[in-house]
Amino acid sequence: MEKGELSKEQRDKVAFITFIVPEFALAYKMSTTQAYHYLKQYGGWDYLLEHWWALHTDNKFYALKDLYQVCYENGGMR
């Protein structure tokens, strides 16, 4: 692998994150920017970065529900 080149796992992680954040925004009726800030504020972003591998193998509905639940447990009120 050359310098600056992403591994397959890194590419998969980026692909999943760029898929799931807009889906979260759509599901919870907010802009993608608002969704990103919401996830950051209420712990969903850290959860997503740590558990993306498990989340990406799950049905989209359950992945979104898990992200929502993490945020809710950390004070999110949407």
N, C-alpha and C. Protein backbone atom coordinates (compact mmCIF):
# COMPACT_ATOMS: atom_id res chain seq x y z
N MET A 1 0.85 -1.17 0.00
CA MET A 1 0.00 0.00 0.00
C MET A 1 0.89 1.23 0.00
N GLU A 2 0.61 2.14 -0.90
CA GLU A 2 1.40 3.36 -1.00
C GLU A 2 0.95 4.39 0.02
N LYS A 3 1.84 5.33 0.30
CA LYS A 3 1.54 6.40 1.24
C LYS A 3 0.33 7.18 0.75
N GLY A 4 -0.62 7.44 1.66
CA GLY A 4 -1.82 8.18 1.30
C GLY A 4 -2.94 7.32 0.76
N GLU A 5 -2.68 6.05 0.55
CA GLU A 5 -3.71 5.14 0.02
C GLU A 5 -4.45 4.50 1.18
N LEU A 6 -5.77 4.44 1.08
CA LEU A 6 -6.58 3.84 2.13
C LEU A 6 -6.65 2.33 1.97
N SER A 7 -6.68 1.63 3.09
CA SER A 7 -6.87 0.18 3.05
C SER A 7 -8.33 -0.11 2.70
N LYS A 8 -8.61 -1.36 2.39
CA LYS A 8 -9.98 -1.76 2.08
C LYS A 8 -10.89 -1.49 3.27
N GLU A 9 -10.43 -1.78 4.48
CA GLU A 9 -11.25 -1.55 5.68
C GLU A 9 -11.54 -0.05 5.84
N GLN A 10 -10.55 0.78 5.61
CA GLN A 10 -10.76 2.23 5.72
C GLN A 10 -11.76 2.71 4.67
N ARG A 11 -11.64 2.21 3.44
CA ARG A 11 -12.59 2.58 2.38
C ARG A 11 -14.01 2.13 2.73
N ASP A 12 -14.13 0.91 3.28
CA ASP A 12 -15.44 0.40 3.68
C ASP A 12 -16.05 1.25 4.80
N LYS A 13 -15.21 1.65 5.74
CA LYS A 13 -15.67 2.48 6.86
C LYS A 13 -16.18 3.83 6.35
N VAL A 14 -15.41 4.46 5.48
CA VAL A 14 -15.81 5.74 4.91
C VAL A 14 -17.10 5.59 4.11
N ALA A 15 -17.19 4.53 3.34
CA ALA A 15 -18.39 4.30 2.53
C ALA A 15 -19.62 4.13 3.42
N PHE A 16 -19.48 3.37 4.50
CA PHE A 16 -20.63 3.17 5.39
C PHE A 16 -21.02 4.47 6.08
N ILE A 17 -20.06 5.20 6.58
CA ILE A 17 -20.36 6.46 7.28
C ILE A 17 -21.01 7.45 6.33
N THR A 18 -20.52 7.55 5.11
CA THR A 18 -21.12 8.48 4.15
C THR A 18 -22.50 8.02 3.69
N PHE A 19 -22.82 6.76 3.93
CA PHE A 19 -24.16 6.26 3.66
C PHE A 19 -25.09 6.49 4.85
N ILE A 20 -24.63 6.15 6.06
CA ILE A 20 -25.53 6.11 7.20
C ILE A 20 -25.87 7.48 7.76
N VAL A 21 -24.97 8.45 7.70
CA VAL A 21 -25.28 9.78 8.25
C VAL A 21 -26.42 10.45 7.46
N PRO A 22 -26.39 10.47 6.14
CA PRO A 22 -27.55 11.02 5.42
C PRO A 22 -28.84 10.22 5.65
N GLU A 23 -28.72 8.91 5.83
CA GLU A 23 -29.90 8.09 6.13
C GLU A 23 -30.46 8.44 7.51
N PHE A 24 -29.58 8.70 8.47
CA PHE A 24 -30.01 9.14 9.80
C PHE A 24 -30.73 10.47 9.69
N ALA A 25 -30.17 11.38 8.89
CA ALA A 25 -30.79 12.69 8.69
C ALA A 25 -32.18 12.54 8.09
N LEU A 26 -32.30 11.72 7.09
CA LEU A 26 -33.58 11.49 6.43
C LEU A 26 -34.59 10.87 7.40
N ALA A 27 -34.16 9.88 8.15
CA ALA A 27 -35.06 9.17 9.07
C ALA A 27 -35.57 10.09 10.18
N TYR A 28 -34.74 11.01 10.62
CA TYR A 28 -35.11 11.86 11.74
C TYR A 28 -35.35 13.31 11.33
N LYS A 29 -35.59 13.50 10.04
CA LYS A 29 -36.02 14.78 9.47
C LYS A 29 -35.13 15.96 9.86
N MET A 30 -33.86 15.84 9.47
CA MET A 30 -32.90 16.92 9.68
C MET A 30 -31.95 16.92 8.49
N SER A 31 -31.20 18.00 8.37
CA SER A 31 -30.20 18.05 7.30
C SER A 31 -29.03 17.14 7.67
N THR A 32 -28.21 16.81 6.70
CA THR A 32 -27.05 15.98 6.96
C THR A 32 -26.11 16.67 7.95
N THR A 33 -25.95 17.98 7.82
CA THR A 33 -25.11 18.73 8.76
C THR A 33 -25.68 18.66 10.17
N GLN A 34 -26.98 18.83 10.29
CA GLN A 34 -27.61 18.73 11.61
C GLN A 34 -27.45 17.32 12.19
N ALA A 35 -27.59 16.32 11.35
CA ALA A 35 -27.43 14.94 11.80
C ALA A 35 -26.01 14.71 12.31
N TYR A 36 -25.02 15.19 11.57
CA TYR A 36 -23.63 15.05 12.01
C TYR A 36 -23.42 15.70 13.37
N HIS A 37 -23.90 16.93 13.53
CA HIS A 37 -23.73 17.65 14.80
C HIS A 37 -24.50 16.96 15.93
N TYR A 38 -25.67 16.46 15.63
CA TYR A 38 -26.46 15.73 16.63
C TYR A 38 -25.71 14.48 17.07
N LEU A 39 -25.21 13.71 16.11
CA LEU A 39 -24.45 12.50 16.44
C LEU A 39 -23.21 12.84 17.25
N LYS A 40 -22.52 13.91 16.88
CA LYS A 40 -21.33 14.34 17.63
C LYS A 40 -21.69 14.75 19.06
N GLN A 41 -22.75 15.52 19.21
CA GLN A 41 -23.13 16.06 20.51
C GLN A 41 -23.58 14.97 21.49
N TYR A 42 -24.25 13.95 20.99
CA TYR A 42 -24.86 12.97 21.87
C TYR A 42 -24.21 11.58 21.82
N GLY A 43 -22.99 11.49 21.36
CA GLY A 43 -22.23 10.25 21.43
C GLY A 43 -22.43 9.27 20.30
N GLY A 44 -23.32 9.59 19.38
CA GLY A 44 -23.56 8.68 18.26
C GLY A 44 -22.38 8.57 17.32
N TRP A 45 -21.66 9.66 17.15
CA TRP A 45 -20.51 9.66 16.24
C TRP A 45 -19.41 8.72 16.75
N ASP A 46 -19.10 8.83 18.04
CA ASP A 46 -18.08 7.95 18.62
C ASP A 46 -18.53 6.49 18.53
N TYR A 47 -19.79 6.26 18.81
CA TYR A 47 -20.35 4.90 18.70
C TYR A 47 -20.24 4.40 17.26
N LEU A 48 -20.57 5.25 16.32
CA LEU A 48 -20.49 4.89 14.90
C LEU A 48 -19.06 4.55 14.50
N LEU A 49 -18.11 5.36 14.91
CA LEU A 49 -16.71 5.10 14.56
C LEU A 49 -16.20 3.82 15.19
N GLU A 50 -16.63 3.54 16.40
CA GLU A 50 -16.16 2.34 17.11
C GLU A 50 -16.85 1.07 16.64
N HIS A 51 -18.13 1.16 16.31
CA HIS A 51 -18.92 -0.04 16.00
C HIS A 51 -19.42 -0.11 14.57
N TRP A 52 -18.82 0.65 13.67
CA TRP A 52 -19.29 0.70 12.30
C TRP A 52 -19.34 -0.70 11.67
N TRP A 53 -18.38 -1.54 12.02
CA TRP A 53 -18.31 -2.86 11.39
C TRP A 53 -19.56 -3.68 11.70
N ALA A 54 -19.98 -3.68 12.96
CA ALA A 54 -21.19 -4.41 13.34
C ALA A 54 -22.43 -3.73 12.75
N LEU A 55 -22.48 -2.42 12.81
CA LEU A 55 -23.63 -1.68 12.29
C LEU A 55 -23.83 -1.91 10.80
N HIS A 56 -22.74 -1.98 10.06
CA HIS A 56 -22.88 -2.09 8.60
C HIS A 56 -23.38 -3.47 8.17
N THR A 57 -23.29 -4.45 9.06
CA THR A 57 -23.79 -5.78 8.71
C THR A 57 -25.26 -5.94 9.07
N ASP A 58 -25.78 -4.98 9.80
CA ASP A 58 -27.17 -5.03 10.25
C ASP A 58 -28.09 -4.37 9.22
N ASN A 59 -29.36 -4.64 9.33
CA ASN A 59 -30.35 -3.95 8.52
C ASN A 59 -30.27 -2.46 8.81
N LYS A 60 -30.45 -1.63 7.80
CA LYS A 60 -30.36 -0.18 7.97
C LYS A 60 -31.27 0.32 9.08
N PHE A 61 -32.47 -0.21 9.17
CA PHE A 61 -33.43 0.20 10.19
C PHE A 61 -32.84 0.02 11.59
N TYR A 62 -32.22 -1.12 11.83
CA TYR A 62 -31.67 -1.40 13.16
C TYR A 62 -30.40 -0.60 13.43
N ALA A 63 -29.61 -0.35 12.41
CA ALA A 63 -28.42 0.49 12.59
C ALA A 63 -28.83 1.90 12.97
N LEU A 64 -29.85 2.43 12.30
CA LEU A 64 -30.34 3.77 12.63
C LEU A 64 -30.96 3.80 14.02
N LYS A 65 -31.69 2.76 14.37
CA LYS A 65 -32.30 2.67 15.69
C LYS A 65 -31.23 2.63 16.78
N ASP A 66 -30.15 1.87 16.54
CA ASP A 66 -29.05 1.80 17.51
C ASP A 66 -28.40 3.17 17.70
N LEU A 67 -28.16 3.88 16.61
CA LEU A 67 -27.57 5.22 16.70
C LEU A 67 -28.49 6.16 17.47
N TYR A 68 -29.78 6.10 17.17
CA TYR A 68 -30.75 6.93 17.88
C TYR A 68 -30.74 6.61 19.37
N GLN A 69 -30.72 5.32 19.70
CA GLN A 69 -30.76 4.90 21.10
C GLN A 69 -29.54 5.40 21.87
N VAL A 70 -28.37 5.32 21.26
CA VAL A 70 -27.16 5.83 21.91
C VAL A 70 -27.30 7.32 22.18
N CYS A 71 -27.76 8.06 21.19
CA CYS A 71 -27.94 9.51 21.36
C CYS A 71 -28.98 9.81 22.42
N TYR A 72 -30.08 9.08 22.40
CA TYR A 72 -31.15 9.28 23.38
C TYR A 72 -30.63 9.06 24.81
N GLU A 73 -29.85 8.00 24.98
CA GLU A 73 -29.29 7.69 26.31
C GLU A 73 -28.28 8.72 26.77
N ASN A 74 -27.75 9.50 25.84
CA ASN A 74 -26.79 10.55 26.17
C ASN A 74 -27.41 11.94 26.14
N GLY A 75 -28.73 12.01 26.22
CA GLY A 75 -29.41 13.29 26.32
C GLY A 75 -30.07 13.81 25.05
N GLY A 76 -29.97 13.09 23.96
CA GLY A 76 -30.62 13.50 22.72
C GLY A 76 -32.13 13.43 22.87
N MET A 77 -32.83 14.40 22.31
CA MET A 77 -34.27 14.44 22.51
C MET A 77 -35.07 14.46 21.22
N ARG A 78 -34.52 14.09 20.11
CA ARG A 78 -35.26 14.11 18.85
C ARG A 78 -36.13 12.90 18.74
